[in-house]
C-alpha atoms as a PDB file:
ATOM      1  CA  UNK A   1      17.620   2.341 -14.654  1.00  0.00           C
ATOM      2  CA  UNK A   2      15.826   4.709 -12.287  1.00  0.00           C
ATOM      3  CA  UNK A   3      17.655   6.671  -9.636  1.00  0.00           C
ATOM      4  CA  UNK A   4      17.505   5.067  -6.224  1.00  0.00           C
ATOM      5  CA  UNK A   5      16.524   7.250  -3.282  1.00  0.00           C
ATOM      6  CA  UNK A   6      17.511   6.400   0.272  1.00  0.00           C
ATOM      7  CA  UNK A   7      14.907   5.892   2.999  1.00  0.00           C
ATOM      8  CA  UNK A   8      15.142   4.796   6.590  1.00  0.00           C
ATOM      9  CA  UNK A   9      12.602   2.198   7.657  1.00  0.00           C
ATOM     10  CA  UNK A  10      12.395   0.668  11.128  1.00  0.00           C
ATOM     11  CA  UNK A  11      11.155  -2.865  11.782  1.00  0.00           C
ATOM     12  CA  UNK A  12      10.725  -4.738  15.025  1.00  0.00           C
ATOM     13  CA  UNK A  13      13.418  -7.352  15.627  1.00  0.00           C
ATOM     14  CA  UNK A  14      11.341 -10.354  14.534  1.00  0.00           C
ATOM     15  CA  UNK A  15      10.191  -8.693  11.313  1.00  0.00           C
ATOM     16  CA  UNK A  16      13.746  -7.628  10.526  1.00  0.00           C
ATOM     17  CA  UNK A  17      15.042 -11.155  11.083  1.00  0.00           C
ATOM     18  CA  UNK A  18      12.303 -12.585   8.848  1.00  0.00           C
ATOM     19  CA  UNK A  19      13.185 -10.048   6.134  1.00  0.00           C
ATOM     20  CA  UNK A  20      16.891 -10.898   6.395  1.00  0.00           C
ATOM     21  CA  UNK A  21      16.155 -14.611   6.083  1.00  0.00           C
ATOM     22  CA  UNK A  22      13.725 -14.124   3.201  1.00  0.00           C
ATOM     23  CA  UNK A  23      16.121 -11.836   1.357  1.00  0.00           C
ATOM     24  CA  UNK A  24      18.998 -14.283   1.831  1.00  0.00           C
ATOM     25  CA  UNK A  25      16.865 -17.189   0.606  1.00  0.00           C
ATOM     26  CA  UNK A  26      15.982 -15.181  -2.515  1.00  0.00           C
ATOM     27  CA  UNK A  27      19.604 -14.029  -2.941  1.00  0.00           C
ATOM     28  CA  UNK A  28      18.598 -10.370  -2.834  1.00  0.00           C
ATOM     29  CA  UNK A  29      18.919  -7.444  -0.470  1.00  0.00           C
ATOM     30  CA  UNK A  30      16.324  -6.385   2.068  1.00  0.00           C
ATOM     31  CA  UNK A  31      16.024  -3.130   0.113  1.00  0.00           C
ATOM     32  CA  UNK A  32      15.162  -5.029  -3.083  1.00  0.00           C
ATOM     33  CA  UNK A  33      12.653  -7.193  -1.232  1.00  0.00           C
ATOM     34  CA  UNK A  34      10.944  -4.209   0.403  1.00  0.00           C
ATOM     35  CA  UNK A  35      10.950  -2.305  -2.909  1.00  0.00           C
ATOM     36  CA  UNK A  36       9.156  -5.203  -4.624  1.00  0.00           C
ATOM     37  CA  UNK A  37       6.535  -5.469  -1.865  1.00  0.00           C
ATOM     38  CA  UNK A  38       5.876  -1.718  -1.891  1.00  0.00           C
ATOM     39  CA  UNK A  39       5.484  -1.766  -5.681  1.00  0.00           C
ATOM     40  CA  UNK A  40       2.983  -4.626  -5.392  1.00  0.00           C
ATOM     41  CA  UNK A  41       0.995  -2.686  -2.788  1.00  0.00           C
ATOM     42  CA  UNK A  42       0.986   0.432  -4.981  1.00  0.00           C
ATOM     43  CA  UNK A  43      -0.160  -1.629  -7.967  1.00  0.00           C
ATOM     44  CA  UNK A  44      -3.056  -2.980  -5.882  1.00  0.00           C
ATOM     45  CA  UNK A  45      -3.937   0.590  -4.904  1.00  0.00           C
ATOM     46  CA  UNK A  46      -3.943   1.579  -8.579  1.00  0.00           C
ATOM     47  CA  UNK A  47      -6.304  -1.313  -9.362  1.00  0.00           C
ATOM     48  CA  UNK A  48      -8.608  -0.251  -6.521  1.00  0.00           C
ATOM     49  CA  UNK A  49      -8.647   3.350  -7.722  1.00  0.00           C
ATOM     50  CA  UNK A  50      -9.454   2.200 -11.245  1.00  0.00           C
ATOM     51  CA  UNK A  51     -12.352   0.095  -9.925  1.00  0.00           C
ATOM     52  CA  UNK A  52     -13.661   3.062  -7.934  1.00  0.00           C
ATOM     53  CA  UNK A  53     -13.393   5.204 -11.048  1.00  0.00           C
ATOM     54  CA  UNK A  54     -15.404   2.695 -13.070  1.00  0.00           C
ATOM     55  CA  UNK A  55     -18.149   2.642 -10.435  1.00  0.00           C
ATOM     56  CA  UNK A  56     -18.285   6.346  -9.554  1.00  0.00           C
ATOM     57  CA  UNK A  57     -21.451   6.894 -11.593  1.00  0.00           C
ATOM     58  CA  UNK A  58     -23.335   4.146  -9.753  1.00  0.00           C
ATOM     59  CA  UNK A  59     -25.967   5.451  -7.355  1.00  0.00           C
ATOM     60  CA  UNK A  60     -25.144   5.439  -3.658  1.00  0.00           C
ATOM     61  CA  UNK A  61     -27.026   2.965  -1.528  1.00  0.00           C
ATOM     62  CA  UNK A  62     -28.067   4.250   1.881  1.00  0.00           C
ATOM     63  CA  UNK A  63     -27.168   1.592   4.456  1.00  0.00           C
ATOM     64  CA  UNK A  64     -30.026   2.342   6.866  1.00  0.00           C
ATOM     65  CA  UNK A  65     -32.628   2.210   4.105  1.00  0.00           C
ATOM     66  CA  UNK A  66     -31.129  -1.061   2.840  1.00  0.00           C
ATOM     67  CA  UNK A  67     -31.263  -2.674   6.293  1.00  0.00           C
ATOM     68  CA  UNK A  68     -34.807  -1.415   6.815  1.00  0.00           C
ATOM     69  CA  UNK A  69     -35.828  -2.945   3.480  1.00  0.00           C
ATOM     70  CA  UNK A  70     -34.222  -6.264   4.455  1.00  0.00           C
ATOM     71  CA  UNK A  71     -36.180  -6.275   7.721  1.00  0.00           C
ATOM     72  CA  UNK A  72     -39.409  -5.399   5.924  1.00  0.00           C
ATOM     73  CA  UNK A  73     -38.892  -8.345   3.531  1.00  0.00           C
ATOM     74  CA  UNK A  74     -38.172 -10.697   6.439  1.00  0.00           C
ATOM     75  CA  UNK A  75     -34.534 -11.224   5.475  1.00  0.00           C
ATOM     76  CA  UNK A  76     -33.307 -10.056   8.894  1.00  0.00           C
END
């Protein structure tokens, strides 16, 4: 098991109450619930970074030139 590190996180009253209720319904602590959500967010970030890495060799598309081309073709 990994070593747990303490952190202080502040929530507004409504968010804290929702977390308490959700944690109780899942029979887990708020810390465990927050840890799971943070891990999910980090996993999504890792997926995004991997997708960016796969596409880094694609040519950049200049937005102004793209819009101008759409206008020229009557799409806008």
